[in-house]
Amino acid sequence: MNRSILFTALFTALTLTACVQPDANPTVVTVPGPTVAVPGPAGPQGATGNQGETGNTGNTGETGNTGNTGQTGDTGNTGDTGNTGATGKTGDTEVIVVPDPPKPRP
């Protein structure tokens, strides 16, 4: 019962909104068409002009200077030879003695 009143009010509002009528007298706007320009009759032809004079020839540009070649660098000095290393120590001799196997007991 509590919600039925709410649903009834909502349903009534939606129903009335759907029944709204548009304006009975709509406004009509008439847009004028584009204006087209019509050309008039052609005028008389003008006199022919005089021929112009030939222009002067331009100056020739100068040739640029060639650059100088650089000098060759000096050869470097040879480095010193290093000292010879000392002779290494000779290794010790090691003797391995293998004992005889034990004799069986009689």
PDB file of N, CA and C in Angstrom:
ATOM      1  N   MET A   1       0.824  -1.190   0.000  1.00  0.00           N
ATOM      2  CA  MET A   1       0.000   0.000   0.000  1.00  0.00           C
ATOM      3  C   MET A   1       0.868   1.254   0.000  1.00  0.00           C
ATOM      4  N   ASN A   2       1.960   1.171   0.701  1.00  0.00           N
ATOM      5  CA  ASN A   2       2.851   2.316   0.806  1.00  0.00           C
ATOM      6  C   ASN A   2       3.450   2.665  -0.563  1.00  0.00           C
ATOM      7  N   ARG A   3       3.838   1.668  -1.319  1.00  0.00           N
ATOM      8  CA  ARG A   3       4.480   1.892  -2.611  1.00  0.00           C
ATOM      9  C   ARG A   3       3.480   2.041  -3.737  1.00  0.00           C
ATOM     10  N   SER A   4       2.312   1.583  -3.589  1.00  0.00           N
ATOM     11  CA  SER A   4       1.328   1.676  -4.666  1.00  0.00           C
ATOM     12  C   SER A   4       0.971   3.128  -4.971  1.00  0.00           C
ATOM     13  N   ILE A   5       0.962   3.991  -3.972  1.00  0.00           N
ATOM     14  CA  ILE A   5       0.666   5.413  -4.208  1.00  0.00           C
ATOM     15  C   ILE A   5       1.814   6.040  -4.997  1.00  0.00           C
ATOM     16  N   LEU A   6       3.020   5.664  -4.646  1.00  0.00           N
ATOM     17  CA  LEU A   6       4.184   6.197  -5.351  1.00  0.00           C
ATOM     18  C   LEU A   6       4.173   5.760  -6.819  1.00  0.00           C
ATOM     19  N   PHE A   7       3.916   4.486  -7.087  1.00  0.00           N
ATOM     20  CA  PHE A   7       3.866   3.999  -8.465  1.00  0.00           C
ATOM     21  C   PHE A   7       2.716   4.623  -9.247  1.00  0.00           C
ATOM     22  N   THR A   8       1.589   4.855  -8.624  1.00  0.00           N
ATOM     23  CA  THR A   8       0.447   5.476  -9.295  1.00  0.00           C
ATOM     24  C   THR A   8       0.791   6.908  -9.701  1.00  0.00           C
ATOM     25  N   ALA A   9       1.462   7.659  -8.820  1.00  0.00           N
ATOM     26  CA  ALA A   9       1.841   9.040  -9.119  1.00  0.00           C
ATOM     27  C   ALA A   9       2.853   9.081 -10.265  1.00  0.00           C
ATOM     28  N   LEU A  10       3.792   8.180 -10.235  1.00  0.00           N
ATOM     29  CA  LEU A  10       4.797   8.117 -11.286  1.00  0.00           C
ATOM     30  C   LEU A  10       4.173   7.739 -12.626  1.00  0.00           C
ATOM     31  N   PHE A  11       3.312   6.776 -12.651  1.00  0.00           N
ATOM     32  CA  PHE A  11       2.630   6.351 -13.871  1.00  0.00           C
ATOM     33  C   PHE A  11       1.780   7.480 -14.451  1.00  0.00           C
ATOM     34  N   THR A  12       1.072   8.210 -13.596  1.00  0.00           N
ATOM     35  CA  THR A  12       0.222   9.329 -14.041  1.00  0.00           C
ATOM     36  C   THR A  12       1.088  10.428 -14.667  1.00  0.00           C
ATOM     37  N   ALA A  13       2.226  10.744 -14.062  1.00  0.00           N
ATOM     38  CA  ALA A  13       3.102  11.795 -14.593  1.00  0.00           C
ATOM     39  C   ALA A  13       3.642  11.403 -15.959  1.00  0.00           C
ATOM     40  N   LEU A  14       4.048  10.161 -16.126  1.00  0.00           N
ATOM     41  CA  LEU A  14       4.558   9.707 -17.416  1.00  0.00           C
ATOM     42  C   LEU A  14       3.468   9.680 -18.486  1.00  0.00           C
ATOM     43  N   THR A  15       2.281   9.312 -18.121  1.00  0.00           N
ATOM     44  CA  THR A  15       1.174   9.264 -19.068  1.00  0.00           C
ATOM     45  C   THR A  15       0.827  10.662 -19.556  1.00  0.00           C
ATOM     46  N   LEU A  16       0.772  11.631 -18.644  1.00  0.00           N
ATOM     47  CA  LEU A  16       0.443  13.006 -19.031  1.00  0.00           C
ATOM     48  C   LEU A  16       1.542  13.631 -19.883  1.00  0.00           C
ATOM     49  N   THR A  17       2.783  13.274 -19.623  1.00  0.00           N
ATOM     50  CA  THR A  17       3.890  13.816 -20.415  1.00  0.00           C
ATOM     51  C   THR A  17       3.819  13.306 -21.847  1.00  0.00           C
ATOM     52  N   ALA A  18       3.416  12.078 -22.034  1.00  0.00           N
ATOM     53  CA  ALA A  18       3.318  11.512 -23.372  1.00  0.00           C
ATOM     54  C   ALA A  18       2.170  12.114 -24.174  1.00  0.00           C
ATOM     55  N   CYS A  19       1.188  12.739 -23.526  1.00  0.00           N
ATOM     56  CA  CYS A  19       0.024  13.284 -24.212  1.00  0.00           C
ATOM     57  C   CYS A  19       0.154  14.763 -24.543  1.00  0.00           C
ATOM     58  N   VAL A  20       1.300  15.382 -24.344  1.00  0.00           N
ATOM     59  CA  VAL A  20       1.453  16.811 -24.609  1.00  0.00           C
ATOM     60  C   VAL A  20       1.368  17.028 -26.118  1.00  0.00           C
ATOM     61  N   GLN A  21       0.552  17.976 -26.554  1.00  0.00           N
ATOM     62  CA  GLN A  21       0.333  18.275 -27.967  1.00  0.00           C
ATOM     63  C   GLN A  21       1.342  19.334 -28.427  1.00  0.00           C
ATOM     64  N   PRO A  22       1.867  19.231 -29.655  1.00  0.00           N
ATOM     65  CA  PRO A  22       2.750  20.284 -30.171  1.00  0.00           C
ATOM     66  C   PRO A  22       1.927  21.551 -30.448  1.00  0.00           C
ATOM     67  N   ASP A  23       2.596  22.666 -30.688  1.00  0.00           N
ATOM     68  CA  ASP A  23       1.907  23.935 -30.967  1.00  0.00           C
ATOM     69  C   ASP A  23       0.971  23.774 -32.167  1.00  0.00           C
ATOM     70  N   ALA A  24      -0.188  24.370 -32.066  1.00  0.00           N
ATOM     71  CA  ALA A  24      -1.182  24.262 -33.129  1.00  0.00           C
ATOM     72  C   ALA A  24      -0.799  25.120 -34.332  1.00  0.00           C
ATOM     73  N   ASN A  25      -0.090  26.219 -34.126  1.00  0.00           N
ATOM     74  CA  ASN A  25       0.283  27.126 -35.217  1.00  0.00           C
ATOM     75  C   ASN A  25       1.819  27.175 -35.317  1.00  0.00           C
ATOM     76  N   PRO A  26       2.422  26.292 -36.075  1.00  0.00           N
ATOM     77  CA  PRO A  26       3.878  26.333 -36.183  1.00  0.00           C
ATOM     78  C   PRO A  26       4.333  27.537 -37.001  1.00  0.00           C
ATOM     79  N   THR A  27       5.522  28.062 -36.693  1.00  0.00           N
ATOM     80  CA  THR A  27       6.075  29.206 -37.402  1.00  0.00           C
ATOM     81  C   THR A  27       6.799  28.703 -38.650  1.00  0.00           C
ATOM     82  N   VAL A  28       6.520  29.320 -39.800  1.00  0.00           N
ATOM     83  CA  VAL A  28       7.145  28.942 -41.054  1.00  0.00           C
ATOM     84  C   VAL A  28       8.118  30.038 -41.440  1.00  0.00           C
ATOM     85  N   VAL A  29       9.369  29.652 -41.699  1.00  0.00           N
ATOM     86  CA  VAL A  29      10.399  30.608 -42.088  1.00  0.00           C
ATOM     87  C   VAL A  29      10.732  30.356 -43.553  1.00  0.00           C
ATOM     88  N   THR A  30      10.639  31.403 -44.381  1.00  0.00           N
ATOM     89  CA  THR A  30      10.949  31.286 -45.803  1.00  0.00           C
ATOM     90  C   THR A  30      12.308  31.932 -46.052  1.00  0.00           C
ATOM     91  N   VAL A  31      13.237  31.172 -46.607  1.00  0.00           N
ATOM     92  CA  VAL A  31      14.579  31.676 -46.887  1.00  0.00           C
ATOM     93  C   VAL A  31      14.632  32.088 -48.356  1.00  0.00           C
ATOM     94  N   PRO A  32      15.069  33.337 -48.641  1.00  0.00           N
ATOM     95  CA  PRO A  32      15.137  33.756 -50.038  1.00  0.00           C
ATOM     96  C   PRO A  32      16.235  32.985 -50.776  1.00  0.00           C
ATOM     97  N   GLY A  33      16.024  32.768 -52.070  1.00  0.00           N
ATOM     98  CA  GLY A  33      16.987  32.044 -52.910  1.00  0.00           C
ATOM     99  C   GLY A  33      18.227  32.887 -53.171  1.00  0.00           C
ATOM    100  N   PRO A  34      19.285  32.278 -53.667  1.00  0.00           N
ATOM    101  CA  PRO A  34      20.522  33.028 -53.941  1.00  0.00           C
ATOM    102  C   PRO A  34      20.328  33.988 -55.116  1.00  0.00           C
ATOM    103  N   THR A  35      20.958  35.148 -55.009  1.00  0.00           N
ATOM    104  CA  THR A  35      20.880  36.159 -56.062  1.00  0.00           C
ATOM    105  C   THR A  35      21.943  35.848 -57.104  1.00  0.00           C
ATOM    106  N   VAL A  36      21.548  35.799 -58.381  1.00  0.00           N
ATOM    107  CA  VAL A  36      22.475  35.486 -59.468  1.00  0.00           C
ATOM    108  C   VAL A  36      22.775  36.775 -60.224  1.00  0.00           C
ATOM    109  N   ALA A  37      24.084  37.085 -60.348  1.00  0.00           N
ATOM    110  CA  ALA A  37      24.480  38.292 -61.082  1.00  0.00           C
ATOM    111  C   ALA A  37      24.501  37.986 -62.575  1.00  0.00           C
ATOM    112  N   VAL A  38      23.914  38.855 -63.363  1.00  0.00           N
ATOM    113  CA  VAL A  38      23.866  38.673 -64.816  1.00  0.00           C
ATOM    114  C   VAL A  38      24.810  39.700 -65.429  1.00  0.00           C
ATOM    115  N   PRO A  39      25.796  39.263 -66.228  1.00  0.00           N
ATOM    116  CA  PRO A  39      26.731  40.230 -66.810  1.00  0.00           C
ATOM    117  C   PRO A  39      26.068  41.063 -67.905  1.00  0.00           C
ATOM    118  N   GLY A  40      26.576  42.267 -68.045  1.00  0.00           N
ATOM    119  CA  GLY A  40      26.065  43.156 -69.093  1.00  0.00           C
ATOM    120  C   GLY A  40      26.757  42.882 -70.422  1.00  0.00           C
ATOM    121  N   PRO A  41      26.476  43.678 -71.452  1.00  0.00           N
ATOM    122  CA  PRO A  41      27.107  43.462 -72.760  1.00  0.00           C
ATOM    123  C   PRO A  41      28.598  43.802 -72.705  1.00  0.00           C
ATOM    124  N   ALA A  42      29.375  43.170 -73.596  1.00  0.00           N
ATOM    125  CA  ALA A  42      30.816  43.393 -73.626  1.00  0.00           C
ATOM    126  C   ALA A  42      31.125  44.764 -74.193  1.00  0.00           C
ATOM    127  N   GLY A  43      32.171  45.415 -73.676  1.00  0.00           N
ATOM    128  CA  GLY A  43      32.593  46.729 -74.155  1.00  0.00           C
ATOM    129  C   GLY A  43      33.500  46.604 -75.365  1.00  0.00           C
ATOM    130  N   PRO A  44      33.899  47.734 -75.975  1.00  0.00           N
ATOM    131  CA  PRO A  44      34.783  47.697 -77.149  1.00  0.00           C
ATOM    132  C   PRO A  44      36.184  47.234 -76.737  1.00  0.00           C
ATOM    133  N   GLN A  45      36.908  46.644 -77.717  1.00  0.00           N
ATOM    134  CA  GLN A  45      38.248  46.130 -77.438  1.00  0.00           C
ATOM    135  C   GLN A  45      39.218  47.288 -77.331  1.00  0.00           C
ATOM    136  N   GLY A  46      40.169  47.189 -76.409  1.00  0.00           N
ATOM    137  CA  GLY A  46      41.155  48.246 -76.215  1.00  0.00           C
ATOM    138  C   GLY A  46      42.263  48.183 -77.247  1.00  0.00           C
ATOM    139  N   ALA A  47      43.077  49.267 -77.336  1.00  0.00           N
ATOM    140  CA  ALA A  47      44.180  49.345 -78.303  1.00  0.00           C
ATOM    141  C   ALA A  47      45.303  48.415 -77.870  1.00  0.00           C
ATOM    142  N   THR A  48      46.092  47.949 -78.844  1.00  0.00           N
ATOM    143  CA  THR A  48      47.220  47.069 -78.563  1.00  0.00           C
ATOM    144  C   THR A  48      48.345  47.888 -77.956  1.00  0.00           C
ATOM    145  N   GLY A  49      48.997  47.369 -76.933  1.00  0.00           N
ATOM    146  CA  GLY A  49      50.082  48.090 -76.261  1.00  0.00           C
ATOM    147  C   GLY A  49      51.393  47.974 -77.018  1.00  0.00           C
ATOM    148  N   ASN A  50      52.381  48.812 -76.637  1.00  0.00           N
ATOM    149  CA  ASN A  50      53.710  48.801 -77.260  1.00  0.00           C
ATOM    150  C   ASN A  50      54.536  47.654 -76.694  1.00  0.00           C
ATOM    151  N   GLN A  51      55.497  47.162 -77.526  1.00  0.00           N
ATOM    152  CA  GLN A  51      56.361  46.088 -77.065  1.00  0.00           C
ATOM    153  C   GLN A  51      57.409  46.660 -76.133  1.00  0.00           C
ATOM    154  N   GLY A  52      57.724  45.969 -75.062  1.00  0.00           N
ATOM    155  CA  GLY A  52      58.726  46.438 -74.096  1.00  0.00           C
ATOM    156  C   GLY A  52      60.137  46.239 -74.606  1.00  0.00           C
ATOM    157  N   GLU A  53      61.099  46.944 -73.979  1.00  0.00           N
ATOM    158  CA  GLU A  53      62.505  46.850 -74.379  1.00  0.00           C
ATOM    159  C   GLU A  53      63.125  45.601 -73.754  1.00  0.00           C
ATOM    160  N   THR A  54      64.201  45.103 -74.410  1.00  0.00           N
ATOM    161  CA  THR A  54      64.922  43.935 -73.902  1.00  0.00           C
ATOM    162  C   THR A  54      65.758  44.365 -72.705  1.00  0.00           C
ATOM    163  N   GLY A  55      65.759  43.562 -71.698  1.00  0.00           N
ATOM    164  CA  GLY A  55      66.521  43.893 -70.492  1.00  0.00           C
ATOM    165  C   GLY A  55      68.004  43.646 -70.663  1.00  0.00           C
ATOM    166  N   ASN A  56      68.820  44.199 -69.745  1.00  0.00           N
ATOM    167  CA  ASN A  56      70.277  44.042 -69.784  1.00  0.00           C
ATOM    168  C   ASN A  56      70.671  42.644 -69.307  1.00  0.00           C
ATOM    169  N   THR A  57      71.823  42.138 -69.821  1.00  0.00           N
ATOM    170  CA  THR A  57      72.348  40.843 -69.389  1.00  0.00           C
ATOM    171  C   THR A  57      73.035  41.024 -68.046  1.00  0.00           C
ATOM    172  N   GLY A  58      72.850  40.081 -67.170  1.00  0.00           N
ATOM    173  CA  GLY A  58      73.461  40.175 -65.841  1.00  0.00           C
ATOM    174  C   GLY A  58      74.951  39.905 -65.875  1.00  0.00           C
ATOM    175  N   ASN A  59      75.657  40.297 -64.799  1.00  0.00           N
ATOM    176  CA  ASN A  59      77.109  40.100 -64.699  1.00  0.00           C
ATOM    177  C   ASN A  59      77.412  38.641 -64.378  1.00  0.00           C
ATOM    178  N   THR A  60      78.579  38.184 -64.870  1.00  0.00           N
ATOM    179  CA  THR A  60      79.031  36.825 -64.574  1.00  0.00           C
ATOM    180  C   THR A  60      79.695  36.833 -63.204  1.00  0.00           C
ATOM    181  N   GLY A  61      79.394  35.831 -62.411  1.00  0.00           N
ATOM    182  CA  GLY A  61      79.985  35.776 -61.069  1.00  0.00           C
ATOM    183  C   GLY A  61      81.455  35.395 -61.119  1.00  0.00           C
ATOM    184  N   GLU A  62      82.206  35.758 -60.054  1.00  0.00           N
ATOM    185  CA  GLU A  62      83.633  35.453 -59.993  1.00  0.00           C
ATOM    186  C   GLU A  62      83.830  34.030 -59.489  1.00  0.00           C
ATOM    187  N   THR A  63      84.959  33.422 -59.931  1.00  0.00           N
ATOM    188  CA  THR A  63      85.303  32.082 -59.477  1.00  0.00           C
ATOM    189  C   THR A  63      85.965  32.204 -58.110  1.00  0.00           C
ATOM    190  N   GLY A  64      85.592  31.347 -57.192  1.00  0.00           N
ATOM    191  CA  GLY A  64      86.165  31.403 -55.843  1.00  0.00           C
ATOM    192  C   GLY A  64      87.594  30.878 -55.818  1.00  0.00           C
ATOM    193  N   ASN A  65      88.351  31.220 -54.759  1.00  0.00           N
ATOM    194  CA  ASN A  65      89.735  30.772 -54.601  1.00  0.00           C
ATOM    195  C   ASN A  65      89.759  29.317 -54.141  1.00  0.00           C
ATOM    196  N   THR A  66      90.797  28.586 -54.600  1.00  0.00           N
ATOM    197  CA  THR A  66      90.979  27.208 -54.155  1.00  0.00           C
ATOM    198  C   THR A  66      91.687  27.238 -52.811  1.00  0.00           C
ATOM    199  N   GLY A  67      91.262  26.404 -51.891  1.00  0.00           N
ATOM    200  CA  GLY A  67      91.869  26.381 -50.553  1.00  0.00           C
ATOM    201  C   GLY A  67      93.261  25.774 -50.582  1.00  0.00           C
ATOM    202  N   ASN A  68      94.076  26.107 -49.563  1.00  0.00           N
ATOM    203  CA  ASN A  68      95.442  25.581 -49.470  1.00  0.00           C
ATOM    204  C   ASN A  68      95.403  24.155 -48.911  1.00  0.00           C
ATOM    205  N   THR A  69      96.392  23.330 -49.339  1.00  0.00           N
ATOM    206  CA  THR A  69      96.510  21.972 -48.828  1.00  0.00           C
ATOM    207  C   THR A  69      97.261  22.025 -47.507  1.00  0.00           C
ATOM    208  N   GLY A  70      96.813  21.270 -46.516  1.00  0.00           N
ATOM    209  CA  GLY A  70      97.470  21.268 -45.202  1.00  0.00           C
ATOM    210  C   GLY A  70      98.799  20.547 -45.236  1.00  0.00           C
ATOM    211  N   GLN A  71      99.663  20.797 -44.222  1.00  0.00           N
ATOM    212  CA  GLN A  71     100.979  20.178 -44.146  1.00  0.00           C
ATOM    213  C   GLN A  71     100.864  18.785 -43.548  1.00  0.00           C
ATOM    214  N   THR A  72     101.816  17.906 -43.940  1.00  0.00           N
ATOM    215  CA  THR A  72     101.865  16.556 -43.398  1.00  0.00           C
ATOM    216  C   THR A  72     102.496  16.620 -42.017  1.00  0.00           C
ATOM    217  N   GLY A  73     101.934  15.877 -41.069  1.00  0.00           N
ATOM    218  CA  GLY A  73     102.467  15.894 -39.698  1.00  0.00           C
ATOM    219  C   GLY A  73     103.775  15.131 -39.583  1.00  0.00           C
ATOM    220  N   ASP A  74     104.544  15.397 -38.495  1.00  0.00           N
ATOM    221  CA  ASP A  74     105.822  14.725 -38.240  1.00  0.00           C
ATOM    222  C   ASP A  74     105.582  13.294 -37.774  1.00  0.00           C
ATOM    223  N   THR A  75     106.571  12.410 -38.049  1.00  0.00           N
ATOM    224  CA  THR A  75     106.504  11.028 -37.599  1.00  0.00           C
ATOM    225  C   THR A  75     106.907  10.983 -36.136  1.00  0.00           C
ATOM    226  N   GLY A  76     106.196  10.204 -35.323  1.00  0.00           N
ATOM    227  CA  GLY A  76     106.505  10.124 -33.886  1.00  0.00           C
ATOM    228  C   GLY A  76     107.746   9.290 -33.613  1.00  0.00           C
ATOM    229  N   ASN A  77     108.299   9.405 -32.377  1.00  0.00           N
ATOM    230  CA  ASN A  77     109.488   8.658 -31.966  1.00  0.00           C
ATOM    231  C   ASN A  77     109.116   7.220 -31.641  1.00  0.00           C
ATOM    232  N   THR A  78     110.093   6.299 -31.846  1.00  0.00           N
ATOM    233  CA  THR A  78     109.901   4.903 -31.509  1.00  0.00           C
ATOM    234  C   THR A  78     110.092   4.750 -30.007  1.00  0.00           C
ATOM    235  N   GLY A  79     109.254   3.955 -29.355  1.00  0.00           N
ATOM    236  CA  GLY A  79     109.357   3.773 -27.902  1.00  0.00           C
ATOM    237  C   GLY A  79     110.534   2.882 -27.517  1.00  0.00           C
ATOM    238  N   ASP A  80     110.961   2.958 -26.225  1.00  0.00           N
ATOM    239  CA  ASP A  80     112.064   2.145 -25.715  1.00  0.00           C
ATOM    240  C   ASP A  80     111.624   0.702 -25.564  1.00  0.00           C
ATOM    241  N   THR A  81     112.608  -0.237 -25.685  1.00  0.00           N
ATOM    242  CA  THR A  81     112.345  -1.652 -25.479  1.00  0.00           C
ATOM    243  C   THR A  81     112.375  -1.931 -23.989  1.00  0.00           C
ATOM    244  N   GLY A  82     111.463  -2.773 -23.480  1.00  0.00           N
ATOM    245  CA  GLY A  82     111.411  -3.071 -22.048  1.00  0.00           C
ATOM    246  C   GLY A  82     112.512  -4.030 -21.620  1.00  0.00           C
ATOM    247  N   ASN A  83     112.762  -4.137 -20.284  1.00  0.00           N
ATOM    248  CA  ASN A  83     113.774  -5.025 -19.715  1.00  0.00           C
ATOM    249  C   ASN A  83     113.307  -6.471 -19.808  1.00  0.00           C
ATOM    250  N   THR A  84     114.291  -7.383 -19.932  1.00  0.00           N
ATOM    251  CA  THR A  84     113.997  -8.805 -19.969  1.00  0.00           C
ATOM    252  C   THR A  84     113.720  -9.269 -18.553  1.00  0.00           C
ATOM    253  N   GLY A  85     112.737 -10.137 -18.368  1.00  0.00           N
ATOM    254  CA  GLY A  85     112.405 -10.626 -17.029  1.00  0.00           C
ATOM    255  C   GLY A  85     113.433 -11.625 -16.519  1.00  0.00           C
ATOM    256  N   ALA A  86     113.471 -11.864 -15.162  1.00  0.00           N
ATOM    257  CA  ALA A  86     114.407 -12.806 -14.536  1.00  0.00           C
ATOM    258  C   ALA A  86     113.963 -14.230 -14.817  1.00  0.00           C
ATOM    259  N   THR A  87     114.904 -15.170 -14.782  1.00  0.00           N
ATOM    260  CA  THR A  87     114.613 -16.575 -15.016  1.00  0.00           C
ATOM    261  C   THR A  87     113.870 -17.116 -13.803  1.00  0.00           C
ATOM    262  N   GLY A  88     112.882 -17.963 -14.024  1.00  0.00           N
ATOM    263  CA  GLY A  88     112.090 -18.514 -12.924  1.00  0.00           C
ATOM    264  C   GLY A  88     112.860 -19.584 -12.156  1.00  0.00           C
ATOM    265  N   LYS A  89     112.406 -19.913 -10.921  1.00  0.00           N
ATOM    266  CA  LYS A  89     113.029 -20.895 -10.041  1.00  0.00           C
ATOM    267  C   LYS A  89     112.746 -22.292 -10.580  1.00  0.00           C
ATOM    268  N   THR A  90     113.784 -23.166 -10.528  1.00  0.00           N
ATOM    269  CA  THR A  90     113.641 -24.539 -10.971  1.00  0.00           C
ATOM    270  C   THR A  90     112.870 -25.301  -9.914  1.00  0.00           C
ATOM    271  N   GLY A  91     111.994 -26.184 -10.312  1.00  0.00           N
ATOM    272  CA  GLY A  91     111.179 -26.939  -9.354  1.00  0.00           C
ATOM    273  C   GLY A  91     111.976 -28.013  -8.639  1.00  0.00           C
ATOM    274  N   ASP A  92     111.538 -28.451  -7.409  1.00  0.00           N
ATOM    275  CA  ASP A  92     112.181 -29.511  -6.632  1.00  0.00           C
ATOM    276  C   ASP A  92     111.788 -30.864  -7.212  1.00  0.00           C
ATOM    277  N   THR A  93     112.675 -31.866  -7.031  1.00  0.00           N
ATOM    278  CA  THR A  93     112.390 -33.215  -7.489  1.00  0.00           C
ATOM    279  C   THR A  93     111.699 -33.937  -6.351  1.00  0.00           C
ATOM    280  N   GLU A  94     110.647 -34.636  -6.629  1.00  0.00           N
ATOM    281  CA  GLU A  94     109.903 -35.354  -5.597  1.00  0.00           C
ATOM    282  C   GLU A  94     109.948 -36.833  -5.952  1.00  0.00           C
ATOM    283  N   VAL A  95     110.287 -37.659  -4.935  1.00  0.00           N
ATOM    284  CA  VAL A  95     110.401 -39.093  -5.153  1.00  0.00           C
ATOM    285  C   VAL A  95     109.265 -39.746  -4.391  1.00  0.00           C
ATOM    286  N   ILE A  96     108.533 -40.631  -5.053  1.00  0.00           N
ATOM    287  CA  ILE A  96     107.443 -41.353  -4.409  1.00  0.00           C
ATOM    288  C   ILE A  96     107.910 -42.802  -4.247  1.00  0.00           C
ATOM    289  N   VAL A  97     107.931 -43.291  -2.979  1.00  0.00           N
ATOM    290  CA  VAL A  97     108.363 -44.653  -2.688  1.00  0.00           C
ATOM    291  C   VAL A  97     107.117 -45.468  -2.437  1.00  0.00           C
ATOM    292  N   VAL A  98     106.977 -46.543  -3.195  1.00  0.00           N
ATOM    293  CA  VAL A  98     105.826 -47.415  -3.040  1.00  0.00           C
ATOM    294  C   VAL A  98     106.308 -48.616  -2.216  1.00  0.00           C
ATOM    295  N   PRO A  99     105.715 -48.893  -1.017  1.00  0.00           N
ATOM    296  CA  PRO A  99     106.167 -50.031  -0.208  1.00  0.00           C
ATOM    297  C   PRO A  99     105.723 -51.353  -0.832  1.00  0.00           C
ATOM    298  N   ASP A 100     106.448 -52.426  -0.496  1.00  0.00           N
ATOM    299  CA  ASP A 100     106.089 -53.755  -0.962  1.00  0.00           C
ATOM    300  C   ASP A 100     104.814 -54.176  -0.270  1.00  0.00           C
ATOM    301  N   PRO A 101     103.992 -54.972  -0.946  1.00  0.00           N
ATOM    302  CA  PRO A 101     102.780 -55.429  -0.291  1.00  0.00           C
ATOM    303  C   PRO A 101     103.145 -56.383   0.860  1.00  0.00           C
ATOM    304  N   PRO A 102     102.346 -56.465   1.898  1.00  0.00           N
ATOM    305  CA  PRO A 102     102.684 -57.345   3.026  1.00  0.00           C
ATOM    306  C   PRO A 102     102.634 -58.827   2.591  1.00  0.00           C
ATOM    307  N   LYS A 103     103.452 -59.620   3.258  1.00  0.00           N
ATOM    308  CA  LYS A 103     103.531 -61.029   2.930  1.00  0.00           C
ATOM    309  C   LYS A 103     102.427 -61.742   3.682  1.00  0.00           C
ATOM    310  N   PRO A 104     101.838 -62.745   3.085  1.00  0.00           N
ATOM    311  CA  PRO A 104     100.777 -63.475   3.782  1.00  0.00           C
ATOM    312  C   PRO A 104     101.333 -64.290   4.954  1.00  0.00           C
ATOM    313  N   ARG A 105     100.587 -64.484   5.973  1.00  0.00           N
ATOM    314  CA  ARG A 105     101.000 -65.256   7.157  1.00  0.00           C
ATOM    315  C   ARG A 105     100.812 -66.720   6.902  1.00  0.00           C
ATOM    316  N   PRO A 106     101.751 -67.551   7.402  1.00  0.00           N
ATOM    317  CA  PRO A 106     101.593 -68.972   7.171  1.00  0.00           C
ATOM    318  C   PRO A 106     100.619 -69.608   8.109  1.00  0.00           C
TER     319      PRO A 106
END
